Amino acid sequence: MLKLLFSIPVHERLEVVVDQIINIQSLNKDAGVVLHLSLGYEDKNSDLSLSEFEQLITQYKNVYINPNRVRTGIMI
Protein backbone atom coordinates (compact mmCIF):
# COMPACT_ATOMS: atom_id res chain seq x y z
CA MET A 1 0.00 0.00 0.00
CA LEU A 2 1.26 3.48 -0.89
CA LYS A 3 1.70 5.79 2.08
CA LEU A 4 2.93 8.78 0.12
CA LEU A 5 1.85 10.02 -3.31
CA PHE A 6 3.49 12.82 -5.30
CA SER A 7 1.39 14.72 -7.83
CA ILE A 8 3.42 16.46 -10.53
CA PRO A 9 2.09 18.80 -13.24
CA VAL A 10 4.01 18.27 -16.50
CA HIS A 11 4.20 21.22 -18.87
CA GLU A 12 7.75 21.24 -20.20
CA ARG A 13 10.83 19.05 -20.55
CA LEU A 14 10.16 15.37 -19.96
CA GLU A 15 13.82 14.78 -19.10
CA VAL A 16 13.33 16.92 -15.99
CA VAL A 17 10.32 14.83 -15.00
CA VAL A 18 12.39 11.63 -15.31
CA ASP A 19 15.00 13.19 -13.00
CA GLN A 20 12.24 14.13 -10.53
CA ILE A 21 10.94 10.55 -10.52
CA ILE A 22 14.45 9.18 -9.89
CA ASN A 23 15.01 11.65 -7.03
CA ILE A 24 11.63 11.02 -5.44
CA GLN A 25 12.01 7.26 -5.57
CA SER A 26 15.58 7.30 -4.27
CA LEU A 27 14.43 9.12 -1.13
CA ASN A 28 10.94 7.57 -0.81
CA LYS A 29 11.20 3.91 -1.75
CA ASP A 30 7.48 3.08 -1.54
CA ALA A 31 6.04 6.37 -2.79
CA GLY A 32 3.84 6.71 -5.85
CA VAL A 33 3.99 9.42 -8.50
CA VAL A 34 1.07 10.68 -10.57
CA LEU A 35 1.94 12.80 -13.60
CA HIS A 36 -0.58 15.31 -14.94
CA LEU A 37 0.15 16.38 -18.52
CA SER A 38 -0.74 19.95 -19.39
CA LEU A 39 -3.47 20.62 -21.92
CA GLY A 40 -0.91 22.58 -23.92
CA TYR A 41 1.98 20.11 -23.71
CA GLU A 42 3.74 19.52 -27.04
CA ASP A 43 6.63 17.17 -27.83
CA LYS A 44 8.66 20.11 -29.19
CA ASN A 45 9.34 21.15 -25.57
CA SER A 46 11.52 18.11 -24.95
CA ASP A 47 14.20 15.89 -26.47
CA LEU A 48 11.96 12.90 -25.66
CA SER A 49 8.73 12.29 -27.52
CA LEU A 50 5.69 11.59 -25.36
CA SER A 51 5.63 7.96 -26.53
CA GLU A 52 9.34 7.55 -25.65
CA PHE A 53 8.65 9.07 -22.24
CA GLU A 54 5.68 6.78 -21.61
CA GLN A 55 7.83 3.77 -22.50
CA LEU A 56 10.72 4.98 -20.32
CA ILE A 57 8.66 5.47 -17.17
CA THR A 58 7.34 1.90 -17.29
CA GLN A 59 10.65 0.88 -15.70
CA TYR A 60 9.77 2.83 -12.54
CA LYS A 61 7.52 1.36 -9.87
CA ASN A 62 4.29 3.15 -8.92
CA VAL A 63 4.44 5.88 -11.58
CA TYR A 64 1.16 6.71 -13.29
CA ILE A 65 0.03 9.17 -15.95
CA ASN A 66 -3.35 10.77 -15.40
CA PRO A 67 -5.33 9.91 -18.57
CA ASN A 68 -7.01 13.34 -18.45
CA ARG A 69 -4.98 16.37 -19.46
CA VAL A 70 -5.21 19.33 -17.06
CA ARG A 71 -4.64 23.07 -17.16
CA THR A 72 -1.27 23.81 -15.50
CA GLY A 73 -0.87 27.51 -16.28
CA ILE A 74 -1.98 30.64 -14.50
CA MET A 75 -5.66 31.41 -14.92
CA ILE A 76 -6.36 35.04 -15.82
PDB file of N, CA and C in Angstrom:
ATOM      1  N   MET A   1       0.839  -1.181   0.000  1.00  0.00           N
ATOM      2  CA  MET A   1       0.000   0.000   0.000  1.00  0.00           C
ATOM      3  C   MET A   1       0.890   1.254   0.000  1.00  0.00           C
ATOM      4  N   LEU A   2       0.528   2.220  -0.832  1.00  0.00           N
ATOM      5  CA  LEU A   2       1.260   3.482  -0.893  1.00  0.00           C
ATOM      6  C   LEU A   2       0.909   4.345   0.312  1.00  0.00           C
ATOM      7  N   LYS A   3       1.933   4.888   0.953  1.00  0.00           N
ATOM      8  CA  LYS A   3       1.703   5.787   2.079  1.00  0.00           C
ATOM      9  C   LYS A   3       1.942   7.241   1.702  1.00  0.00           C
ATOM     10  N   LEU A   4       2.607   7.436   0.567  1.00  0.00           N
ATOM     11  CA  LEU A   4       2.933   8.780   0.119  1.00  0.00           C
ATOM     12  C   LEU A   4       2.769   8.835  -1.393  1.00  0.00           C
ATOM     13  N   LEU A   5       2.103   9.874  -1.879  1.00  0.00           N
ATOM     14  CA  LEU A   5       1.851  10.018  -3.311  1.00  0.00           C
ATOM     15  C   LEU A   5       2.229  11.435  -3.738  1.00  0.00           C
ATOM     16  N   PHE A   6       3.080  11.534  -4.749  1.00  0.00           N
ATOM     17  CA  PHE A   6       3.486  12.820  -5.303  1.00  0.00           C
ATOM     18  C   PHE A   6       2.661  13.085  -6.553  1.00  0.00           C
ATOM     19  N   SER A   7       2.178  14.300  -6.689  1.00  0.00           N
ATOM     20  CA  SER A   7       1.387  14.717  -7.834  1.00  0.00           C
ATOM     21  C   SER A   7       2.166  15.810  -8.561  1.00  0.00           C
ATOM     22  N   ILE A   8       2.539  15.544  -9.818  1.00  0.00           N
ATOM     23  CA  ILE A   8       3.419  16.464 -10.535  1.00  0.00           C
ATOM     24  C   ILE A   8       2.759  16.948 -11.828  1.00  0.00           C
ATOM     25  N   PRO A   9       2.560  18.272 -11.968  1.00  0.00           N
ATOM     26  CA  PRO A   9       2.090  18.805 -13.245  1.00  0.00           C
ATOM     27  C   PRO A   9       3.250  18.800 -14.246  1.00  0.00           C
ATOM     28  N   VAL A  10       2.984  18.365 -15.458  1.00  0.00           N
ATOM     29  CA  VAL A  10       4.014  18.270 -16.497  1.00  0.00           C
ATOM     30  C   VAL A  10       3.648  19.225 -17.624  1.00  0.00           C
ATOM     31  N   HIS A  11       4.496  20.245 -17.815  1.00  0.00           N
ATOM     32  CA  HIS A  11       4.202  21.216 -18.866  1.00  0.00           C
ATOM     33  C   HIS A  11       5.399  21.494 -19.752  1.00  0.00           C
ATOM     34  N   GLU A  12       6.577  20.998 -19.368  1.00  0.00           N
ATOM     35  CA  GLU A  12       7.752  21.244 -20.195  1.00  0.00           C
ATOM     36  C   GLU A  12       8.594  19.991 -20.353  1.00  0.00           C
ATOM     37  N   ARG A  13       9.873  20.095 -20.201  1.00  0.00           N
ATOM     38  CA  ARG A  13      10.834  19.055 -20.549  1.00  0.00           C
ATOM     39  C   ARG A  13      10.615  17.744 -19.792  1.00  0.00           C
ATOM     40  N   LEU A  14      10.398  16.683 -20.543  1.00  0.00           N
ATOM     41  CA  LEU A  14      10.156  15.371 -19.963  1.00  0.00           C
ATOM     42  C   LEU A  14      11.401  14.810 -19.285  1.00  0.00           C
ATOM     43  N   GLU A  15      12.588  15.234 -19.730  1.00  0.00           N
ATOM     44  CA  GLU A  15      13.823  14.776 -19.099  1.00  0.00           C
ATOM     45  C   GLU A  15      13.875  15.215 -17.635  1.00  0.00           C
ATOM     46  N   VAL A  16      13.366  16.408 -17.356  1.00  0.00           N
ATOM     47  CA  VAL A  16      13.326  16.921 -15.989  1.00  0.00           C
ATOM     48  C   VAL A  16      12.386  16.069 -15.140  1.00  0.00           C
ATOM     49  N   VAL A  17      11.288  15.656 -15.712  1.00  0.00           N
ATOM     50  CA  VAL A  17      10.321  14.826 -15.000  1.00  0.00           C
ATOM     51  C   VAL A  17      10.944  13.466 -14.658  1.00  0.00           C
ATOM     52  N   VAL A  18      11.702  12.892 -15.584  1.00  0.00           N
ATOM     53  CA  VAL A  18      12.389  11.626 -15.311  1.00  0.00           C
ATOM     54  C   VAL A  18      13.347  11.808 -14.129  1.00  0.00           C
ATOM     55  N   ASP A  19      14.096  12.903 -14.124  1.00  0.00           N
ATOM     56  CA  ASP A  19      15.001  13.187 -13.002  1.00  0.00           C
ATOM     57  C   ASP A  19      14.230  13.330 -11.692  1.00  0.00           C
ATOM     58  N   GLN A  20      13.067  13.978 -11.738  1.00  0.00           N
ATOM     59  CA  GLN A  20      12.245  14.126 -10.533  1.00  0.00           C
ATOM     60  C   GLN A  20      11.800  12.763 -10.017  1.00  0.00           C
ATOM     61  N   ILE A  21      11.378  11.890 -10.915  1.00  0.00           N
ATOM     62  CA  ILE A  21      10.939  10.545 -10.522  1.00  0.00           C
ATOM     63  C   ILE A  21      12.094   9.796  -9.853  1.00  0.00           C
ATOM     64  N   ILE A  22      13.274   9.856 -10.457  1.00  0.00           N
ATOM     65  CA  ILE A  22      14.447   9.180  -9.888  1.00  0.00           C
ATOM     66  C   ILE A  22      14.748   9.724  -8.493  1.00  0.00           C
ATOM     67  N   ASN A  23      14.738  11.039  -8.338  1.00  0.00           N
ATOM     68  CA  ASN A  23      15.014  11.655  -7.028  1.00  0.00           C
ATOM     69  C   ASN A  23      13.962  11.283  -5.993  1.00  0.00           C
ATOM     70  N   ILE A  24      12.709  11.363  -6.374  1.00  0.00           N
ATOM     71  CA  ILE A  24      11.625  11.018  -5.444  1.00  0.00           C
ATOM     72  C   ILE A  24      11.765   9.574  -4.985  1.00  0.00           C
ATOM     73  N   GLN A  25      11.965   8.669  -5.933  1.00  0.00           N
ATOM     74  CA  GLN A  25      12.009   7.255  -5.571  1.00  0.00           C
ATOM     75  C   GLN A  25      13.289   6.863  -4.838  1.00  0.00           C
ATOM     76  N   SER A  26      14.359   7.618  -5.019  1.00  0.00           N
ATOM     77  CA  SER A  26      15.579   7.297  -4.275  1.00  0.00           C
ATOM     78  C   SER A  26      15.442   7.674  -2.800  1.00  0.00           C
ATOM     79  N   LEU A  27      14.615   8.667  -2.511  1.00  0.00           N
ATOM     80  CA  LEU A  27      14.426   9.124  -1.135  1.00  0.00           C
ATOM     81  C   LEU A  27      13.157   8.586  -0.484  1.00  0.00           C
ATOM     82  N   ASN A  28      12.241   8.061  -1.292  1.00  0.00           N
ATOM     83  CA  ASN A  28      10.937   7.574  -0.808  1.00  0.00           C
ATOM     84  C   ASN A  28      10.629   6.262  -1.515  1.00  0.00           C
ATOM     85  N   LYS A  29      11.222   5.195  -1.040  1.00  0.00           N
ATOM     86  CA  LYS A  29      11.203   3.910  -1.751  1.00  0.00           C
ATOM     87  C   LYS A  29       9.804   3.414  -2.137  1.00  0.00           C
ATOM     88  N   ASP A  30       8.820   3.621  -1.283  1.00  0.00           N
ATOM     89  CA  ASP A  30       7.485   3.081  -1.542  1.00  0.00           C
ATOM     90  C   ASP A  30       6.471   4.140  -1.955  1.00  0.00           C
ATOM     91  N   ALA A  31       6.950   5.295  -2.391  1.00  0.00           N
ATOM     92  CA  ALA A  31       6.037   6.375  -2.794  1.00  0.00           C
ATOM     93  C   ALA A  31       5.535   6.152  -4.216  1.00  0.00           C
ATOM     94  N   GLY A  32       4.378   6.709  -4.496  1.00  0.00           N
ATOM     95  CA  GLY A  32       3.836   6.713  -5.851  1.00  0.00           C
ATOM     96  C   GLY A  32       3.970   8.104  -6.451  1.00  0.00           C
ATOM     97  N   VAL A  33       3.905   8.153  -7.777  1.00  0.00           N
ATOM     98  CA  VAL A  33       3.991   9.422  -8.498  1.00  0.00           C
ATOM     99  C   VAL A  33       2.889   9.440  -9.554  1.00  0.00           C
ATOM    100  N   VAL A  34       2.085  10.494  -9.540  1.00  0.00           N
ATOM    101  CA  VAL A  34       1.073  10.683 -10.575  1.00  0.00           C
ATOM    102  C   VAL A  34       1.477  11.910 -11.389  1.00  0.00           C
ATOM    103  N   LEU A  35       1.558  11.729 -12.691  1.00  0.00           N
ATOM    104  CA  LEU A  35       1.939  12.799 -13.603  1.00  0.00           C
ATOM    105  C   LEU A  35       0.701  13.341 -14.295  1.00  0.00           C
ATOM    106  N   HIS A  36       0.566  14.646 -14.328  1.00  0.00           N
ATOM    107  CA  HIS A  36      -0.585  15.307 -14.938  1.00  0.00           C
ATOM    108  C   HIS A  36      -0.073  16.134 -16.115  1.00  0.00           C
ATOM    109  N   LEU A  37      -0.312  15.671 -17.329  1.00  0.00           N
ATOM    110  CA  LEU A  37       0.150  16.382 -18.520  1.00  0.00           C
ATOM    111  C   LEU A  37      -0.715  17.606 -18.777  1.00  0.00           C
ATOM    112  N   SER A  38      -0.058  18.696 -19.085  1.00  0.00           N
ATOM    113  CA  SER A  38      -0.737  19.950 -19.390  1.00  0.00           C
ATOM    114  C   SER A  38      -1.568  19.816 -20.662  1.00  0.00           C
ATOM    115  N   LEU A  39      -2.657  20.563 -20.704  1.00  0.00           N
ATOM    116  CA  LEU A  39      -3.470  20.624 -21.924  1.00  0.00           C
ATOM    117  C   LEU A  39      -2.642  21.093 -23.112  1.00  0.00           C
ATOM    118  N   GLY A  40      -1.702  21.985 -22.851  1.00  0.00           N
ATOM    119  CA  GLY A  40      -0.912  22.581 -23.923  1.00  0.00           C
ATOM    120  C   GLY A  40       0.420  21.901 -24.176  1.00  0.00           C
ATOM    121  N   TYR A  41       0.669  20.746 -23.530  1.00  0.00           N
ATOM    122  CA  TYR A  41       1.978  20.105 -23.715  1.00  0.00           C
ATOM    123  C   TYR A  41       2.172  19.677 -25.168  1.00  0.00           C
ATOM    124  N   GLU A  42       3.368  19.946 -25.692  1.00  0.00           N
ATOM    125  CA  GLU A  42       3.739  19.517 -27.042  1.00  0.00           C
ATOM    126  C   GLU A  42       5.111  18.881 -26.985  1.00  0.00           C
ATOM    127  N   ASP A  43       5.349  17.861 -27.802  1.00  0.00           N
ATOM    128  CA  ASP A  43       6.635  17.169 -27.833  1.00  0.00           C
ATOM    129  C   ASP A  43       7.804  18.083 -28.138  1.00  0.00           C
ATOM    130  N   LYS A  44       7.554  19.215 -28.805  1.00  0.00           N
ATOM    131  CA  LYS A  44       8.658  20.106 -29.189  1.00  0.00           C
ATOM    132  C   LYS A  44       9.363  20.713 -27.977  1.00  0.00           C
ATOM    133  N   ASN A  45       8.749  20.607 -26.786  1.00  0.00           N
ATOM    134  CA  ASN A  45       9.342  21.147 -25.568  1.00  0.00           C
ATOM    135  C   ASN A  45      10.433  20.261 -24.993  1.00  0.00           C
ATOM    136  N   SER A  46      10.649  19.088 -25.558  1.00  0.00           N
ATOM    137  CA  SER A  46      11.524  18.105 -24.948  1.00  0.00           C
ATOM    138  C   SER A  46      12.310  17.335 -26.000  1.00  0.00           C
ATOM    139  N   ASP A  47      13.439  16.766 -25.576  1.00  0.00           N
ATOM    140  CA  ASP A  47      14.202  15.891 -26.471  1.00  0.00           C
ATOM    141  C   ASP A  47      13.548  14.518 -26.590  1.00  0.00           C
ATOM    142  N   LEU A  48      12.700  14.159 -25.628  1.00  0.00           N
ATOM    143  CA  LEU A  48      11.960  12.899 -25.658  1.00  0.00           C
ATOM    144  C   LEU A  48      10.580  13.133 -26.257  1.00  0.00           C
ATOM    145  N   SER A  49      10.122  12.220 -27.075  1.00  0.00           N
ATOM    146  CA  SER A  49       8.726  12.293 -27.516  1.00  0.00           C
ATOM    147  C   SER A  49       7.865  11.761 -26.372  1.00  0.00           C
ATOM    148  N   LEU A  50       6.590  12.063 -26.406  1.00  0.00           N
ATOM    149  CA  LEU A  50       5.689  11.589 -25.358  1.00  0.00           C
ATOM    150  C   LEU A  50       5.650  10.066 -25.333  1.00  0.00           C
ATOM    151  N   SER A  51       5.656   9.433 -26.491  1.00  0.00           N
ATOM    152  CA  SER A  51       5.630   7.964 -26.530  1.00  0.00           C
ATOM    153  C   SER A  51       6.923   7.375 -25.960  1.00  0.00           C
ATOM    154  N   GLU A  52       8.073   8.001 -26.234  1.00  0.00           N
ATOM    155  CA  GLU A  52       9.340   7.548 -25.649  1.00  0.00           C
ATOM    156  C   GLU A  52       9.308   7.695 -24.129  1.00  0.00           C
ATOM    157  N   PHE A  53       8.767   8.813 -23.674  1.00  0.00           N
ATOM    158  CA  PHE A  53       8.654   9.069 -22.244  1.00  0.00           C
ATOM    159  C   PHE A  53       7.764   8.024 -21.571  1.00  0.00           C
ATOM    160  N   GLU A  54       6.609   7.773 -22.173  1.00  0.00           N
ATOM    161  CA  GLU A  54       5.685   6.784 -21.607  1.00  0.00           C
ATOM    162  C   GLU A  54       6.346   5.414 -21.509  1.00  0.00           C
ATOM    163  N   GLN A  55       7.118   5.052 -22.516  1.00  0.00           N
ATOM    164  CA  GLN A  55       7.834   3.774 -22.501  1.00  0.00           C
ATOM    165  C   GLN A  55       8.907   3.777 -21.418  1.00  0.00           C
ATOM    166  N   LEU A  56       9.634   4.871 -21.284  1.00  0.00           N
ATOM    167  CA  LEU A  56      10.720   4.981 -20.317  1.00  0.00           C
ATOM    168  C   LEU A  56      10.221   4.848 -18.878  1.00  0.00           C
ATOM    169  N   ILE A  57       9.113   5.485 -18.565  1.00  0.00           N
ATOM    170  CA  ILE A  57       8.663   5.470 -17.168  1.00  0.00           C
ATOM    171  C   ILE A  57       8.071   4.127 -16.742  1.00  0.00           C
ATOM    172  N   THR A  58       7.841   3.221 -17.682  1.00  0.00           N
ATOM    173  CA  THR A  58       7.342   1.896 -17.289  1.00  0.00           C
ATOM    174  C   THR A  58       8.367   1.143 -16.441  1.00  0.00           C
ATOM    175  N   GLN A  59       9.628   1.549 -16.502  1.00  0.00           N
ATOM    176  CA  GLN A  59      10.653   0.877 -15.696  1.00  0.00           C
ATOM    177  C   GLN A  59      10.622   1.306 -14.227  1.00  0.00           C
ATOM    178  N   TYR A  60       9.858   2.347 -13.909  1.00  0.00           N
ATOM    179  CA  TYR A  60       9.772   2.832 -12.542  1.00  0.00           C
ATOM    180  C   TYR A  60       8.495   2.322 -11.883  1.00  0.00           C
ATOM    181  N   LYS A  61       8.638   1.900 -10.637  1.00  0.00           N
ATOM    182  CA  LYS A  61       7.517   1.357  -9.874  1.00  0.00           C
ATOM    183  C   LYS A  61       6.591   2.484  -9.400  1.00  0.00           C
ATOM    184  N   ASN A  62       5.299   2.239  -9.463  1.00  0.00           N
ATOM    185  CA  ASN A  62       4.288   3.149  -8.922  1.00  0.00           C
ATOM    186  C   ASN A  62       4.292   4.538  -9.547  1.00  0.00           C
ATOM    187  N   VAL A  63       4.526   4.609 -10.856  1.00  0.00           N
ATOM    188  CA  VAL A  63       4.444   5.879 -11.580  1.00  0.00           C
ATOM    189  C   VAL A  63       3.274   5.778 -12.553  1.00  0.00           C
ATOM    190  N   TYR A  64       2.384   6.736 -12.498  1.00  0.00           N
ATOM    191  CA  TYR A  64       1.164   6.709 -13.294  1.00  0.00           C
ATOM    192  C   TYR A  64       0.979   8.031 -14.024  1.00  0.00           C
ATOM    193  N   ILE A  65       0.380   7.961 -15.200  1.00  0.00           N
ATOM    194  CA  ILE A  65       0.028   9.166 -15.946  1.00  0.00           C
ATOM    195  C   ILE A  65      -1.484   9.314 -15.890  1.00  0.00           C
ATOM    196  N   ASN A  66      -1.931  10.464 -15.416  1.00  0.00           N
ATOM    197  CA  ASN A  66      -3.350  10.767 -15.401  1.00  0.00           C
ATOM    198  C   ASN A  66      -3.837  10.754 -16.857  1.00  0.00           C
ATOM    199  N   PRO A  67      -4.864   9.965 -17.186  1.00  0.00           N
ATOM    200  CA  PRO A  67      -5.331   9.907 -18.568  1.00  0.00           C
ATOM    201  C   PRO A  67      -6.025  11.187 -19.039  1.00  0.00           C
ATOM    202  N   ASN A  68      -6.358  12.073 -18.112  1.00  0.00           N
ATOM    203  CA  ASN A  68      -7.007  13.341 -18.449  1.00  0.00           C
ATOM    204  C   ASN A  68      -5.993  14.468 -18.379  1.00  0.00           C
ATOM    205  N   ARG A  69      -5.880  15.218 -19.453  1.00  0.00           N
ATOM    206  CA  ARG A  69      -4.977  16.373 -19.456  1.00  0.00           C
ATOM    207  C   ARG A  69      -5.595  17.480 -18.625  1.00  0.00           C
ATOM    208  N   VAL A  70      -4.734  18.274 -17.965  1.00  0.00           N
ATOM    209  CA  VAL A  70      -5.210  19.329 -17.063  1.00  0.00           C
ATOM    210  C   VAL A  70      -4.562  20.658 -17.388  1.00  0.00           C
ATOM    211  N   ARG A  71      -5.200  21.731 -16.979  1.00  0.00           N
ATOM    212  CA  ARG A  71      -4.636  23.069 -17.159  1.00  0.00           C
ATOM    213  C   ARG A  71      -3.578  23.265 -16.070  1.00  0.00           C
ATOM    214  N   THR A  72      -2.358  23.630 -16.475  1.00  0.00           N
ATOM    215  CA  THR A  72      -1.274  23.807 -15.504  1.00  0.00           C
ATOM    216  C   THR A  72      -0.773  25.239 -15.452  1.00  0.00           C
ATOM    217  N   GLY A  73      -1.321  26.117 -16.260  1.00  0.00           N
ATOM    218  CA  GLY A  73      -0.865  27.506 -16.280  1.00  0.00           C
ATOM    219  C   GLY A  73      -1.659  28.389 -15.346  1.00  0.00           C
ATOM    220  N   ILE A  74      -1.290  29.651 -15.334  1.00  0.00           N
ATOM    221  CA  ILE A  74      -1.976  30.641 -14.503  1.00  0.00           C
ATOM    222  C   ILE A  74      -3.294  31.015 -15.172  1.00  0.00           C
ATOM    223  N   MET A  75      -4.347  31.040 -14.393  1.00  0.00           N
ATOM    224  CA  MET A  75      -5.657  31.411 -14.915  1.00  0.00           C
ATOM    225  C   MET A  75      -5.845  32.908 -14.751  1.00  0.00           C
ATOM    226  N   ILE A  76      -6.171  33.578 -15.857  1.00  0.00           N
ATOM    227  CA  ILE A  76      -6.361  35.041 -15.815  1.00  0.00           C
ATOM    228  C   ILE A  76      -7.825  35.351 -16.024  1.00  0.00           C
TER     229      ILE A  76
END
